[in-house]
Amino acid sequence: MKRQTLLKITNGVLAALMTTQAASGLLHARLSADTFELVHEHGAYLLIAAVVVHVVLNRAWIRSAFSRHKTQAD
């Protein structure tokens, strides 16, 4: 699968996971302890995994954005 396709999928998954995390955090008082643990706490592990995949797929951009290149003005 192409990197761009994987990024599109990963970005969608990240958006869904962040929305779920925010909603479950805001609705914590209305959720049972088991539901909160399943959705919020276990969802956090999925979110971390998706962030790692996102960073790995964008490592070339990260390297270029944070490397110190001398420009003409320097």
N, C-alpha and C. Protein backbone atom coordinates (compact mmCIF):
# COMPACT_ATOMS: atom_id res chain seq x y z
N MET A 1 0.84 -1.17 0.00
CA MET A 1 0.00 0.00 0.00
C MET A 1 0.89 1.24 0.00
N LYS A 2 0.47 2.27 -0.69
CA LYS A 2 1.25 3.49 -0.78
C LYS A 2 1.24 4.25 0.54
N ARG A 3 2.33 4.99 0.76
CA ARG A 3 2.47 5.77 1.99
C ARG A 3 1.35 6.80 2.12
N GLN A 4 1.00 7.47 1.04
CA GLN A 4 -0.07 8.47 1.09
C GLN A 4 -1.41 7.86 1.48
N THR A 5 -1.68 6.66 0.98
CA THR A 5 -2.92 5.97 1.33
C THR A 5 -2.92 5.61 2.81
N LEU A 6 -1.78 5.12 3.30
CA LEU A 6 -1.66 4.80 4.73
C LEU A 6 -1.83 6.05 5.59
N LEU A 7 -1.28 7.17 5.14
CA LEU A 7 -1.44 8.42 5.88
C LEU A 7 -2.89 8.86 5.95
N LYS A 8 -3.61 8.73 4.85
CA LYS A 8 -5.02 9.11 4.84
C LYS A 8 -5.82 8.25 5.81
N ILE A 9 -5.54 6.96 5.82
CA ILE A 9 -6.22 6.06 6.74
C ILE A 9 -5.84 6.40 8.18
N THR A 10 -4.55 6.59 8.42
CA THR A 10 -4.07 6.91 9.76
C THR A 10 -4.67 8.22 10.27
N ASN A 11 -4.74 9.23 9.41
CA ASN A 11 -5.31 10.51 9.81
C ASN A 11 -6.79 10.38 10.18
N GLY A 12 -7.52 9.57 9.43
CA GLY A 12 -8.92 9.33 9.76
C GLY A 12 -9.08 8.61 11.09
N VAL A 13 -8.23 7.62 11.31
CA VAL A 13 -8.25 6.88 12.58
C VAL A 13 -7.89 7.81 13.74
N LEU A 14 -6.87 8.65 13.54
CA LEU A 14 -6.48 9.62 14.58
C LEU A 14 -7.64 10.56 14.91
N ALA A 15 -8.32 11.06 13.91
CA ALA A 15 -9.44 11.97 14.14
C ALA A 15 -10.55 11.27 14.93
N ALA A 16 -10.86 10.05 14.56
CA ALA A 16 -11.91 9.30 15.26
C ALA A 16 -11.50 9.02 16.71
N LEU A 17 -10.24 8.63 16.91
CA LEU A 17 -9.79 8.32 18.27
C LEU A 17 -9.74 9.56 19.14
N MET A 18 -9.31 10.69 18.59
CA MET A 18 -9.27 11.92 19.38
C MET A 18 -10.68 12.38 19.74
N THR A 19 -11.62 12.23 18.81
CA THR A 19 -13.00 12.59 19.09
C THR A 19 -13.58 11.70 20.18
N THR A 20 -13.29 10.41 20.09
CA THR A 20 -13.76 9.46 21.10
C THR A 20 -13.16 9.77 22.47
N GLN A 21 -11.88 10.09 22.49
CA GLN A 21 -11.23 10.43 23.76
C GLN A 21 -11.86 11.68 24.38
N ALA A 22 -12.07 12.70 23.57
CA ALA A 22 -12.67 13.93 24.08
C ALA A 22 -14.09 13.70 24.58
N ALA A 23 -14.88 12.98 23.81
CA ALA A 23 -16.27 12.72 24.18
C ALA A 23 -16.35 11.88 25.46
N SER A 24 -15.53 10.85 25.54
CA SER A 24 -15.59 10.00 26.73
C SER A 24 -15.07 10.75 27.96
N GLY A 25 -14.10 11.63 27.77
CA GLY A 25 -13.61 12.44 28.88
C GLY A 25 -14.67 13.41 29.38
N LEU A 26 -15.38 14.05 28.44
CA LEU A 26 -16.42 14.99 28.82
C LEU A 26 -17.64 14.30 29.43
N LEU A 27 -17.91 13.08 28.99
CA LEU A 27 -19.07 12.33 29.48
C LEU A 27 -18.73 11.34 30.57
N HIS A 28 -17.57 11.50 31.17
CA HIS A 28 -17.09 10.56 32.18
C HIS A 28 -18.11 10.31 33.28
N ALA A 29 -18.77 11.34 33.76
CA ALA A 29 -19.72 11.20 34.86
C ALA A 29 -20.96 10.41 34.45
N ARG A 30 -21.27 10.40 33.17
CA ARG A 30 -22.46 9.70 32.69
C ARG A 30 -22.19 8.27 32.25
N LEU A 31 -20.91 7.90 32.15
CA LEU A 31 -20.56 6.54 31.71
C LEU A 31 -20.31 5.64 32.91
N SER A 32 -20.62 4.37 32.73
CA SER A 32 -20.28 3.42 33.80
C SER A 32 -18.76 3.27 33.83
N ALA A 33 -18.24 2.77 34.93
CA ALA A 33 -16.79 2.61 35.07
C ALA A 33 -16.24 1.67 34.02
N ASP A 34 -16.97 0.59 33.72
CA ASP A 34 -16.51 -0.36 32.71
C ASP A 34 -16.49 0.25 31.31
N THR A 35 -17.52 1.01 30.99
CA THR A 35 -17.57 1.66 29.68
C THR A 35 -16.47 2.70 29.56
N PHE A 36 -16.29 3.49 30.60
CA PHE A 36 -15.23 4.50 30.57
C PHE A 36 -13.87 3.84 30.39
N GLU A 37 -13.61 2.77 31.12
CA GLU A 37 -12.32 2.09 31.00
C GLU A 37 -12.11 1.55 29.59
N LEU A 38 -13.15 0.96 29.04
CA LEU A 38 -13.04 0.41 27.69
C LEU A 38 -12.79 1.51 26.66
N VAL A 39 -13.61 2.54 26.71
CA VAL A 39 -13.54 3.58 25.67
C VAL A 39 -12.37 4.53 25.89
N HIS A 40 -12.22 5.06 27.09
CA HIS A 40 -11.23 6.11 27.31
C HIS A 40 -9.83 5.55 27.59
N GLU A 41 -9.73 4.66 28.53
CA GLU A 41 -8.40 4.18 28.90
C GLU A 41 -7.79 3.28 27.82
N HIS A 42 -8.56 2.33 27.31
CA HIS A 42 -8.02 1.46 26.26
C HIS A 42 -7.89 2.21 24.93
N GLY A 43 -8.80 3.17 24.71
CA GLY A 43 -8.69 4.00 23.51
C GLY A 43 -7.42 4.82 23.48
N ALA A 44 -6.92 5.17 24.66
CA ALA A 44 -5.67 5.93 24.74
C ALA A 44 -4.50 5.13 24.18
N TYR A 45 -4.50 3.82 24.44
CA TYR A 45 -3.43 2.98 23.88
C TYR A 45 -3.51 2.93 22.36
N LEU A 46 -4.71 2.86 21.83
CA LEU A 46 -4.88 2.88 20.38
C LEU A 46 -4.45 4.22 19.80
N LEU A 47 -4.76 5.30 20.51
CA LEU A 47 -4.37 6.64 20.06
C LEU A 47 -2.85 6.77 20.02
N ILE A 48 -2.18 6.28 21.04
CA ILE A 48 -0.71 6.33 21.07
C ILE A 48 -0.13 5.53 19.91
N ALA A 49 -0.69 4.36 19.66
CA ALA A 49 -0.20 3.53 18.54
C ALA A 49 -0.41 4.26 17.21
N ALA A 50 -1.55 4.91 17.04
CA ALA A 50 -1.82 5.63 15.80
C ALA A 50 -0.89 6.82 15.64
N VAL A 51 -0.56 7.48 16.73
CA VAL A 51 0.38 8.61 16.69
C VAL A 51 1.76 8.11 16.27
N VAL A 52 2.18 6.98 16.80
CA VAL A 52 3.48 6.41 16.43
C VAL A 52 3.51 6.09 14.93
N VAL A 53 2.45 5.47 14.42
CA VAL A 53 2.37 5.17 12.98
C VAL A 53 2.42 6.46 12.18
N HIS A 54 1.70 7.49 12.63
CA HIS A 54 1.68 8.77 11.94
C HIS A 54 3.07 9.40 11.89
N VAL A 55 3.79 9.36 13.00
CA VAL A 55 5.14 9.93 13.04
C VAL A 55 6.09 9.14 12.14
N VAL A 56 5.98 7.82 12.17
CA VAL A 56 6.85 6.99 11.32
C VAL A 56 6.58 7.29 9.85
N LEU A 57 5.32 7.42 9.47
CA LEU A 57 4.99 7.70 8.07
C LEU A 57 5.42 9.11 7.65
N ASN A 58 5.57 10.02 8.60
CA ASN A 58 5.96 11.39 8.30
C ASN A 58 7.40 11.70 8.70
N ARG A 59 8.21 10.69 8.92
CA ARG A 59 9.58 10.92 9.41
C ARG A 59 10.42 11.76 8.46
N ALA A 60 10.22 11.63 7.17
CA ALA A 60 11.01 12.43 6.23
C ALA A 60 10.66 13.92 6.37
N TRP A 61 9.38 14.23 6.49
CA TRP A 61 8.96 15.62 6.67
C TRP A 61 9.47 16.15 8.00
N ILE A 62 9.38 15.35 9.04
CA ILE A 62 9.84 15.78 10.37
C ILE A 62 11.33 16.09 10.33
N ARG A 63 12.10 15.20 9.70
CA ARG A 63 13.54 15.43 9.58
C ARG A 63 13.84 16.72 8.83
N SER A 64 13.15 16.95 7.72
CA SER A 64 13.43 18.15 6.93
C SER A 64 12.96 19.41 7.64
N ALA A 65 11.87 19.33 8.37
CA ALA A 65 11.33 20.51 9.06
C ALA A 65 12.18 20.91 10.26
N PHE A 66 12.81 19.95 10.90
CA PHE A 66 13.55 20.26 12.11
C PHE A 66 15.07 20.22 11.94
N SER A 67 15.53 19.95 10.75
CA SER A 67 16.98 19.99 10.54
C SER A 67 17.39 21.43 10.34
N ARG A 68 18.62 21.72 10.67
CA ARG A 68 19.12 23.10 10.57
C ARG A 68 19.82 23.28 9.23
N HIS A 69 19.11 23.92 8.34
CA HIS A 69 19.69 24.26 7.03
C HIS A 69 20.11 25.72 7.06
N LYS A 70 21.30 25.97 6.59
CA LYS A 70 21.75 27.36 6.48
C LYS A 70 21.13 27.97 5.25
N THR A 71 20.55 29.15 5.42
CA THR A 71 19.97 29.87 4.30
C THR A 71 20.89 31.03 3.93
N GLN A 72 20.57 31.72 2.88
CA GLN A 72 21.39 32.85 2.43
C GLN A 72 21.42 33.97 3.49
N ALA A 73 20.34 34.13 4.26
CA ALA A 73 20.27 35.20 5.25
C ALA A 73 21.12 34.87 6.49
N ASP A 74 21.43 33.60 6.72
CA ASP A 74 22.22 33.21 7.91
C ASP A 74 23.61 33.62 7.76
